[in-house]
């Protein structure tokens, strides 16, 4: 169901792009900026792993540096039939984790020192199972495509805005109403669709992560603890809306209260836990 939902949402993004293209007409400026935007997102896709790891000052560790963490990842990767990813650590007391990389052969998982302090062995296994599920599902690719489409839509909206300011007229393409829809409503709709795609992928990663670690309740208990710190502690240092969707729990949770369900990159944690509990019951791991 979540895969089907993601396909529908991606189709909606594509349709929104086509509609905006019609709204701005055959503007050569729109085409030029579209190419520039796609080029920027292409660069982001190929170098996203090094960029985000650098943004959070993540350091790669070896088996000798962090034997327990490294071996958890190694065992889970083997269970998931995945190549061994890079293992990285972020020096932060805030418990959180994410995966990055353009495909399973170029993947990395990163955890904070806080998560290793707060969670036990099984709970860390649940978290890393979730992150490896993202790698297995190639969710980073899906997220990058969605971000590229949303970026193009925002770029076209900017072109339409400047065109309106300097007196460009495309009355046959919808007049003032079409221009306002292009400038205001389309980028908002694109952002909402992109966030909905992210939420759908989180549910799938939870389910597969529960299977990889062997017990969905490991992940459920970990999410409960991480959510507590996300809502009661200061946000993770250097966290930003551009990378919030990558983490297992939104690191900006404490600063995004209004219209939380609609504008959040993650489903409500209580809903995720409820689904994991149901999965555990189906696996006969929870009474």
Protein backbone atom coordinates (compact mmCIF):
# COMPACT_ATOMS: atom_id res chain seq x y z
CA UNK A 1 0.00 0.00 0.00
CA UNK A 2 2.79 2.46 0.86
CA UNK A 3 4.59 1.66 -2.41
CA UNK A 4 1.35 2.32 -4.31
CA UNK A 5 0.85 5.56 -2.35
CA UNK A 6 4.41 6.66 -3.20
CA UNK A 7 3.79 5.99 -6.91
CA UNK A 8 0.60 8.07 -6.80
CA UNK A 9 2.36 10.92 -5.02
CA UNK A 10 5.25 10.86 -7.50
CA UNK A 11 2.71 10.96 -10.34
CA UNK A 12 1.08 13.99 -8.68
CA UNK A 13 4.45 15.75 -8.53
CA UNK A 14 5.03 15.00 -12.22
CA UNK A 15 1.57 16.31 -13.09
CA UNK A 16 2.21 19.44 -11.06
CA UNK A 17 5.41 20.04 -13.02
CA UNK A 18 3.54 19.67 -16.33
CA UNK A 19 0.79 22.03 -15.15
CA UNK A 20 3.32 24.66 -14.10
CA UNK A 21 5.12 24.31 -17.42
CA UNK A 22 1.84 25.16 -19.10
CA UNK A 23 1.27 28.09 -16.75
CA UNK A 24 4.56 29.79 -17.64
CA UNK A 25 4.25 28.95 -21.35
CA UNK A 26 7.27 28.57 -23.54
CA UNK A 27 9.56 30.83 -21.61
CA UNK A 28 13.21 30.29 -22.48
CA UNK A 29 14.11 31.48 -19.00
CA UNK A 30 11.97 28.77 -17.45
CA UNK A 31 13.69 26.12 -19.55
CA UNK A 32 17.13 27.46 -18.65
CA UNK A 33 16.40 27.49 -14.93
CA UNK A 34 14.82 24.05 -15.14
CA UNK A 35 18.06 22.69 -16.60
CA UNK A 36 20.09 24.47 -13.92
CA UNK A 37 17.84 23.08 -11.18
CA UNK A 38 18.07 19.53 -12.50
CA UNK A 39 21.85 19.87 -12.72
CA UNK A 40 22.06 21.01 -9.11
CA UNK A 41 19.93 18.11 -7.94
CA UNK A 42 21.95 15.66 -10.04
CA UNK A 43 25.10 16.90 -8.30
CA UNK A 44 23.36 16.60 -4.93
CA UNK A 45 22.39 12.99 -5.66
CA UNK A 46 25.93 11.86 -6.53
CA UNK A 47 27.58 13.66 -3.63
CA UNK A 48 24.76 13.61 -1.05
CA UNK A 49 26.52 11.07 1.17
CA UNK A 50 29.72 13.08 1.63
CA UNK A 51 27.78 16.36 1.87
CA UNK A 52 25.44 15.28 4.67
CA UNK A 53 28.14 13.40 6.59
CA UNK A 54 30.32 16.49 6.44
CA UNK A 55 27.43 18.74 7.52
CA UNK A 56 27.03 16.76 10.75
CA UNK A 57 30.78 16.24 11.31
CA UNK A 58 30.30 12.47 11.12
CA UNK A 59 33.47 10.43 11.37
CA UNK A 60 33.87 6.98 9.89
CA UNK A 61 34.78 4.27 12.40
CA UNK A 62 36.35 0.87 11.92
CA UNK A 63 35.73 -2.38 13.75
CA UNK A 64 38.68 -1.56 16.00
CA UNK A 65 37.26 1.87 16.84
CA UNK A 66 33.70 0.75 17.69
CA UNK A 67 33.55 -3.06 17.71
CA UNK A 68 29.99 -3.49 19.05
CA UNK A 69 28.44 -0.90 16.72
CA UNK A 70 30.41 -2.15 13.72
CA UNK A 71 29.44 -5.76 14.32
CA UNK A 72 25.75 -4.91 14.73
CA UNK A 73 25.81 -3.23 11.31
CA UNK A 74 27.80 -6.09 9.81
CA UNK A 75 25.40 -8.77 11.07
CA UNK A 76 22.30 -6.84 10.02
CA UNK A 77 23.74 -6.11 6.56
CA UNK A 78 24.35 -9.82 6.08
CA UNK A 79 20.78 -10.64 7.16
CA UNK A 80 19.44 -8.01 4.76
CA UNK A 81 21.70 -9.31 1.94
CA UNK A 82 23.36 -5.90 1.60
CA UNK A 83 26.99 -4.85 1.09
CA UNK A 84 28.68 -3.60 4.23
CA UNK A 85 28.04 0.16 4.46
CA UNK A 86 30.35 2.72 6.00
CA UNK A 87 29.75 3.12 9.73
CA UNK A 88 29.92 6.67 11.06
CA UNK A 89 29.52 8.35 14.44
CA UNK A 90 28.33 11.88 15.21
CA UNK A 91 29.51 13.42 18.47
CA UNK A 92 26.18 14.55 19.93
CA UNK A 93 24.25 13.74 23.11
CA UNK A 94 20.96 13.82 21.14
CA UNK A 95 20.02 10.25 20.14
CA UNK A 96 19.34 9.91 16.41
CA UNK A 97 20.53 8.11 13.28
CA UNK A 98 20.31 8.25 9.49
CA UNK A 99 21.42 6.46 6.33
CA UNK A 100 22.79 8.06 3.19
CA UNK A 101 24.38 7.10 -0.13
CA UNK A 102 23.11 6.84 -3.71
CA UNK A 103 22.79 3.03 -3.72
CA UNK A 104 23.57 -0.03 -1.53
CA UNK A 105 27.15 -0.15 -2.83
CA UNK A 106 27.80 3.45 -1.75
CA UNK A 107 25.86 3.60 1.50
CA UNK A 108 26.67 4.84 4.98
CA UNK A 109 24.86 4.64 8.30
CA UNK A 110 25.49 7.23 10.97
CA UNK A 111 24.51 7.25 14.64
CA UNK A 112 25.07 9.79 17.37
CA UNK A 113 27.06 9.03 20.49
CA UNK A 114 23.84 9.82 22.36
CA UNK A 115 21.98 6.94 20.75
CA UNK A 116 24.70 4.51 21.83
CA UNK A 117 24.42 5.83 25.38
CA UNK A 118 20.59 5.83 25.64
CA UNK A 119 19.65 2.63 23.78
CA UNK A 120 20.52 -0.96 24.61
CA UNK A 121 21.95 -3.50 22.15
CA UNK A 122 18.57 -4.71 20.86
CA UNK A 123 17.19 -1.19 20.43
CA UNK A 124 20.28 -0.11 18.48
CA UNK A 125 19.77 -3.18 16.29
CA UNK A 126 16.20 -2.02 15.63
CA UNK A 127 17.36 1.47 14.65
CA UNK A 128 20.10 0.18 12.36
CA UNK A 129 17.69 -2.34 10.85
CA UNK A 130 15.44 0.60 9.95
CA UNK A 131 18.32 2.51 8.38
CA UNK A 132 19.45 -0.50 6.36
CA UNK A 133 15.85 -0.89 5.18
CA UNK A 134 16.12 2.60 3.67
CA UNK A 135 19.27 1.46 1.88
CA UNK A 136 17.59 -1.75 0.69
CA UNK A 137 14.52 0.12 -0.58
CA UNK A 138 16.70 2.78 -2.28
CA UNK A 139 14.69 5.41 -0.45
CA UNK A 140 17.52 7.90 -0.84
CA UNK A 141 16.97 7.74 -4.61
CA UNK A 142 13.20 8.22 -4.18
CA UNK A 143 13.75 11.14 -1.83
CA UNK A 144 16.25 12.75 -4.21
CA UNK A 145 13.88 12.48 -7.17
CA UNK A 146 11.05 14.00 -5.11
CA UNK A 147 13.34 16.79 -3.93
CA UNK A 148 14.46 17.43 -7.53
CA UNK A 149 10.86 17.75 -8.73
CA UNK A 150 9.95 20.03 -5.82
CA UNK A 151 13.07 22.11 -6.54
CA UNK A 152 12.14 22.52 -10.20
CA UNK A 153 8.61 23.56 -9.23
CA UNK A 154 9.96 26.18 -6.81
CA UNK A 155 12.34 27.43 -9.49
CA UNK A 156 9.53 27.82 -12.02
CA UNK A 157 7.48 29.63 -9.38
CA UNK A 158 10.35 32.09 -8.88
CA UNK A 159 10.54 32.70 -12.61
CA UNK A 160 6.79 33.33 -12.73
CA UNK A 161 7.10 35.72 -9.78
CA UNK A 162 9.82 37.78 -11.43
CA UNK A 163 7.90 37.72 -14.68
CA UNK A 164 4.85 39.15 -12.90
CA UNK A 165 6.96 41.82 -11.18
CA UNK A 166 8.49 43.01 -14.45
CA UNK A 167 5.23 42.98 -16.35
CA UNK A 168 5.38 39.67 -18.23
CA UNK A 169 1.92 38.69 -19.42
CA UNK A 170 0.71 35.24 -20.39
CA UNK A 171 -3.03 35.89 -20.24
CA UNK A 172 -3.80 32.97 -22.47
CA UNK A 173 -2.23 30.69 -19.84
CA UNK A 174 -4.56 31.64 -17.00
CA UNK A 175 -4.01 35.37 -16.35
CA UNK A 176 -3.57 36.66 -12.82
CA UNK A 177 -5.25 33.62 -11.22
CA UNK A 178 -2.93 31.21 -13.02
CA UNK A 179 0.08 33.34 -12.09
CA UNK A 180 -0.88 33.41 -8.40
CA UNK A 181 -1.47 29.65 -8.43
CA UNK A 182 1.95 29.15 -10.01
CA UNK A 183 3.74 31.40 -7.53
CA UNK A 184 1.99 30.44 -4.28
CA UNK A 185 -0.03 27.24 -4.46
CA UNK A 186 2.15 24.99 -6.63
CA UNK A 187 5.32 25.15 -4.46
CA UNK A 188 3.19 24.58 -1.34
CA UNK A 189 1.53 21.56 -2.96
CA UNK A 190 4.93 20.23 -4.06
CA UNK A 191 6.28 20.49 -0.50
CA UNK A 192 3.24 18.71 0.93
CA UNK A 193 3.56 15.89 -1.63
CA UNK A 194 7.30 15.55 -0.98
CA UNK A 195 6.66 15.27 2.78
CA UNK A 196 3.90 12.71 2.20
CA UNK A 197 6.33 10.59 0.16
CA UNK A 198 8.83 10.76 3.03
CA UNK A 199 6.19 9.65 5.54
CA UNK A 200 5.19 6.67 3.37
CA UNK A 201 8.80 5.52 3.09
CA UNK A 202 9.22 5.68 6.89
CA UNK A 203 6.42 3.17 7.46
CA UNK A 204 7.97 0.76 4.95
CA UNK A 205 11.42 1.14 6.53
CA UNK A 206 9.95 0.44 9.97
CA UNK A 207 8.33 -2.77 8.75
CA UNK A 208 11.43 -4.06 6.95
CA UNK A 209 13.66 -2.88 9.80
CA UNK A 210 11.59 -4.93 12.24
CA UNK A 211 12.13 -7.98 10.05
CA UNK A 212 15.86 -7.38 9.67
CA UNK A 213 16.53 -6.97 13.40
CA UNK A 214 14.31 -9.96 14.21
CA UNK A 215 11.82 -8.25 16.53
CA UNK A 216 9.79 -5.11 15.66
CA UNK A 217 9.56 -4.28 19.36
CA UNK A 218 13.29 -3.48 19.42
CA UNK A 219 12.59 -0.62 17.03
CA UNK A 220 9.34 0.38 18.75
CA UNK A 221 11.10 0.80 22.10
CA UNK A 222 13.94 2.72 20.43
CA UNK A 223 11.52 5.11 18.71
CA UNK A 224 9.80 5.84 22.02
CA UNK A 225 13.10 6.84 23.64
CA UNK A 226 14.36 8.85 20.64
CA UNK A 227 11.02 10.69 20.38
CA UNK A 228 11.26 11.69 24.05
CA UNK A 229 14.64 13.34 23.53
CA UNK A 230 13.54 14.90 20.22
CA UNK A 231 10.63 16.66 21.95
CA UNK A 232 12.31 17.54 25.25
CA UNK A 233 15.91 18.35 24.34
CA UNK A 234 17.57 20.92 22.11
CA UNK A 235 17.57 20.05 18.38
CA UNK A 236 20.55 18.15 17.02
CA UNK A 237 23.36 20.59 16.23
CA UNK A 238 23.52 21.63 12.54
CA UNK A 239 20.14 20.01 11.81
CA UNK A 240 18.08 21.70 9.11
CA UNK A 241 14.79 21.17 7.23
CA UNK A 242 16.80 20.13 4.15
CA UNK A 243 18.10 16.98 5.89
CA UNK A 244 15.48 16.37 8.59
CA UNK A 245 13.73 13.70 6.49
CA UNK A 246 16.86 11.52 6.58
CA UNK A 247 16.82 10.88 10.34
CA UNK A 248 14.90 8.08 12.02
CA UNK A 249 13.03 10.76 14.04
CA UNK A 250 12.81 14.38 12.89
CA UNK A 251 15.63 16.19 14.75
CA UNK A 252 13.57 19.40 14.57
CA UNK A 253 10.58 17.78 16.27
CA UNK A 254 10.66 20.24 19.14
CA UNK A 255 10.39 23.22 16.77
CA UNK A 256 7.62 21.97 14.46
CA UNK A 257 4.40 21.91 16.46
CA UNK A 258 1.87 23.65 14.18
CA UNK A 259 0.08 21.44 11.64
CA UNK A 260 2.56 18.74 12.61
CA UNK A 261 0.98 15.80 10.80
CA UNK A 262 0.55 17.68 7.52
CA UNK A 263 3.93 19.35 7.31
CA UNK A 264 6.10 16.74 9.03
CA UNK A 265 8.62 14.61 7.15
CA UNK A 266 7.79 11.69 9.48
CA UNK A 267 4.55 10.00 10.53
CA UNK A 268 3.54 10.48 14.19
CA UNK A 269 5.81 8.29 16.30
CA UNK A 270 2.83 6.81 18.16
CA UNK A 271 1.43 5.59 14.82
CA UNK A 272 4.76 4.03 13.92
CA UNK A 273 4.94 2.26 17.28
CA UNK A 274 1.37 0.98 16.91
CA UNK A 275 2.18 -0.52 13.49
CA UNK A 276 5.33 -2.16 14.89
CA UNK A 277 3.33 -3.61 17.78
CA UNK A 278 0.83 -5.08 15.31
CA UNK A 279 3.72 -6.50 13.27
CA UNK A 280 5.13 -8.10 16.42
CA UNK A 281 1.75 -9.68 17.17
CA UNK A 282 1.61 -11.11 13.66
CA UNK A 283 5.10 -12.55 14.22
CA UNK A 284 3.88 -13.93 17.59
CA UNK A 285 6.44 -11.84 19.45
CA UNK A 286 3.95 -9.78 21.44
CA UNK A 287 1.03 -11.04 23.54
